[in-house]
Structures are given as structure tokens and as C-alpha cells.
Amino acid sequence: MTAPVLASVHVRRPPEVAFRVFTDRIGDWWPLSTHSCFEEKAAGVRLAADRLVERSLDGEEEVWGEVLAWDPPRHFAVTWHPGRPGGPRSVVEVDFRPDQDGTRVEVTHSGWEAFGPEAERRRQSYDRPDGWSAVLDRYAQFAAAG
């Protein structure tokens, strides 16, 4: 079994606000310049009903995942398959845990076994400085700015 990728960040916002910023405002903080299916043609990303969707400047859409769980302001989970609509899917879970002066936001990215022999290589692409840690740092900066 391939270990999940774990990443976390602290934000000085209550869980209700941290959850809303992460989900409702994902298009405002997601680092599309480095994490996009459309690269320089990326226009935005959003949670739309039961899906996480990226849109290009040309109006094309790429579904990154489908919502598996929705429990505001504590937890949500999505399948994860950006750029691979018919391919294997992993799972991304995001938990919002209150702490002394805000919220600890924890990402658990699992399900790597779906990729067979490519599992560890795919996992490593998210478990490096420009992976989930960089995405969460961008989120934390945006949340801190208010």
C-alpha cells in the first residue's frame, strides 16, 4: 500500500471562514500559473455543485474531481484526476480543525494504488516542495490577507 501524502497549514481564521475561503474562493487563491491543466490558457477553478472544475480562457472545462463528502465547516473530499477524465482517480480529503488561534487545515491525498506501477511516481509529484505544501501556502497567504 502506498502511503498518503499529508500536508497542513495553519490559518488565523475560524473553521467556518477557513472552509469558505478554501471552497468558495478556490479560484482566487489556487496557483493556476503552476498547477493547471490549461497552463497559460487557464482562466479559473471552482467548486461547481458536485465537481471541481477548471476553465480555460477559451471556455473549455476540465473536471478535476467529483465531491465525495461535504461536511462544512469540518471536512470535504473529492476524487482527484486533473487532466485524466477517464483515467485512474486518487482521493483528496481536506479537514478543518479548530485550534487555539484559528484553524489547522489538513490535506490527505490517498488512493495511489489506482495507478498501479505508476503509484509511487505519481505520489512523489504531490509530496515535494511545489506540491500540496506550495498549494496550501498560497491558500494560507490568501486567507491571511482577509
Protein backbone atom coordinates (compact mmCIF):
# COMPACT_ATOMS: atom_id res chain seq x y z
CA MET A 1 0.00 0.00 0.00
CA THR A 2 1.32 3.44 -0.96
CA ALA A 3 1.35 5.96 1.88
CA PRO A 4 -0.87 9.04 1.55
CA VAL A 5 0.58 12.49 1.02
CA LEU A 6 -0.04 14.62 4.11
CA ALA A 7 0.20 18.39 4.16
CA SER A 8 -1.11 21.02 6.56
CA VAL A 9 -1.16 24.72 7.24
CA HIS A 10 -2.42 26.98 10.00
CA VAL A 11 -4.68 29.94 9.24
CA ARG A 12 -5.80 32.56 11.74
CA ARG A 13 -9.44 32.26 10.79
CA PRO A 14 -12.22 30.27 12.44
CA PRO A 15 -13.11 26.97 10.74
CA GLU A 16 -16.25 28.43 9.13
CA VAL A 17 -14.23 31.14 7.39
CA ALA A 18 -11.29 28.84 6.58
CA PHE A 19 -13.67 26.35 4.94
CA ARG A 20 -15.46 29.04 2.90
CA VAL A 21 -12.20 30.58 1.71
CA PHE A 22 -10.88 27.17 0.68
CA THR A 23 -14.04 26.09 -1.14
CA ASP A 24 -15.98 29.19 -2.25
CA ARG A 25 -12.89 31.23 -3.14
CA ILE A 26 -10.63 28.48 -4.52
CA GLY A 27 -10.47 30.32 -7.84
CA ASP A 28 -8.99 33.35 -6.10
CA TRP A 29 -6.08 31.58 -4.45
CA TRP A 30 -5.36 28.37 -6.41
CA PRO A 31 -1.90 28.70 -8.09
CA LEU A 32 -3.05 28.24 -11.69
CA SER A 33 0.26 29.51 -13.04
CA THR A 34 1.90 26.30 -11.78
CA HIS A 35 -0.99 23.88 -11.12
CA SER A 36 -3.30 23.84 -14.13
CA CYS A 37 -4.42 21.56 -16.95
CA PHE A 38 -4.58 24.51 -19.37
CA GLU A 39 -1.26 26.16 -18.36
CA GLU A 40 -1.11 29.72 -19.77
CA LYS A 41 -4.71 29.46 -21.03
CA ALA A 42 -6.11 28.82 -17.53
CA ALA A 43 -8.94 31.14 -16.54
CA GLY A 44 -10.09 29.75 -13.21
CA VAL A 45 -11.03 26.87 -10.98
CA ARG A 46 -14.20 26.45 -8.92
CA LEU A 47 -16.29 24.01 -6.99
CA ALA A 48 -19.48 23.71 -9.02
CA ALA A 49 -22.23 21.68 -7.35
CA ASP A 50 -20.67 18.23 -7.07
CA ARG A 51 -17.49 18.79 -9.11
CA LEU A 52 -14.17 20.63 -9.00
CA VAL A 53 -13.74 22.24 -12.43
CA GLU A 54 -11.03 24.24 -14.20
CA ARG A 55 -11.99 26.52 -17.07
CA SER A 56 -9.72 27.78 -19.85
CA LEU A 57 -9.73 31.22 -21.42
CA ASP A 58 -11.35 29.56 -24.45
CA GLY A 59 -14.25 28.28 -22.32
CA GLU A 60 -13.12 24.65 -22.21
CA GLU A 61 -13.68 22.81 -18.94
CA GLU A 62 -11.65 20.11 -17.29
CA VAL A 63 -13.18 18.26 -14.35
CA TRP A 64 -10.54 17.70 -11.70
CA GLY A 65 -12.75 15.62 -9.42
CA GLU A 66 -16.15 14.80 -8.03
CA VAL A 67 -17.25 15.65 -4.50
CA LEU A 68 -17.38 12.54 -2.30
CA ALA A 69 -18.09 14.18 1.07
CA TRP A 70 -19.32 17.63 2.12
CA ASP A 71 -19.48 18.49 5.84
CA PRO A 72 -18.95 22.26 6.32
CA PRO A 73 -17.02 23.57 8.13
CA ARG A 74 -15.17 20.40 9.10
CA HIS A 75 -14.43 18.28 6.04
CA PHE A 76 -14.80 17.69 2.35
CA ALA A 77 -13.39 15.10 -0.03
CA VAL A 78 -13.09 14.83 -3.81
CA THR A 79 -11.87 12.30 -6.29
CA TRP A 80 -8.74 13.64 -7.96
CA HIS A 81 -7.99 13.25 -11.66
CA PRO A 82 -6.96 16.59 -13.22
CA GLY A 83 -6.33 16.07 -16.92
CA ARG A 84 -7.36 12.41 -16.79
CA PRO A 85 -11.16 12.30 -17.17
CA GLY A 86 -11.36 8.58 -17.89
CA GLY A 87 -8.25 7.50 -16.03
CA PRO A 88 -7.43 6.39 -12.52
CA ARG A 89 -8.54 8.54 -9.61
CA SER A 90 -6.98 9.26 -6.27
CA VAL A 91 -8.79 10.95 -3.36
CA VAL A 92 -8.13 14.31 -1.70
CA GLU A 93 -9.61 14.94 1.74
CA VAL A 94 -9.43 18.32 3.45
CA ASP A 95 -10.08 18.69 7.18
CA PHE A 96 -10.52 21.94 9.11
CA ARG A 97 -9.62 21.56 12.79
CA PRO A 98 -10.08 24.44 15.24
CA ASP A 99 -7.07 25.26 17.34
CA GLN A 100 -6.01 27.97 19.79
CA ASP A 101 -6.00 30.91 17.39
CA GLY A 102 -7.59 29.72 14.16
CA THR A 103 -7.76 26.55 12.12
CA ARG A 104 -5.38 23.80 11.12
CA VAL A 105 -6.14 22.78 7.53
CA GLU A 106 -5.01 19.26 6.70
CA VAL A 107 -4.87 17.65 3.28
CA THR A 108 -4.70 13.87 2.93
CA HIS A 109 -4.14 12.67 -0.63
CA SER A 110 -4.56 8.90 -0.92
CA GLY A 111 -5.67 6.15 -3.28
CA TRP A 112 -2.39 5.89 -5.15
CA GLU A 113 -2.90 2.17 -5.73
CA ALA A 114 -5.28 3.07 -8.58
CA PHE A 115 -2.19 3.99 -10.64
CA GLY A 116 -0.62 0.55 -10.45
CA PRO A 117 3.12 0.62 -11.22
CA GLU A 118 2.98 4.43 -11.54
CA ALA A 119 1.66 4.86 -7.98
CA GLU A 120 4.87 5.93 -6.26
CA ARG A 121 5.97 8.26 -9.07
CA ARG A 122 2.57 10.00 -9.06
CA ARG A 123 2.58 10.22 -5.27
CA GLN A 124 6.02 11.83 -5.25
CA SER A 125 4.84 14.54 -7.65
CA TYR A 126 2.49 15.80 -4.90
CA ASP A 127 4.84 15.17 -1.96
CA ARG A 128 7.53 17.71 -2.78
CA PRO A 129 8.01 21.43 -2.09
CA ASP A 130 5.99 22.52 -5.15
CA GLY A 131 3.18 20.03 -4.45
CA TRP A 132 0.49 20.23 -1.78
CA SER A 133 2.73 22.25 0.54
CA ALA A 134 3.02 25.06 -2.03
CA VAL A 135 -0.72 24.98 -2.73
CA LEU A 136 -1.54 25.23 0.98
CA ASP A 137 0.97 28.04 1.47
CA ARG A 138 -0.78 30.01 -1.27
CA TYR A 139 -4.14 29.33 0.40
CA ALA A 140 -2.82 30.45 3.80
CA GLN A 141 -1.45 33.70 2.37
CA PHE A 142 -4.77 34.46 0.73
CA ALA A 143 -6.73 33.59 3.88
CA ALA A 144 -4.45 35.80 5.98
CA ALA A 145 -4.98 38.74 3.67
CA GLY A 146 -8.63 38.68 4.54
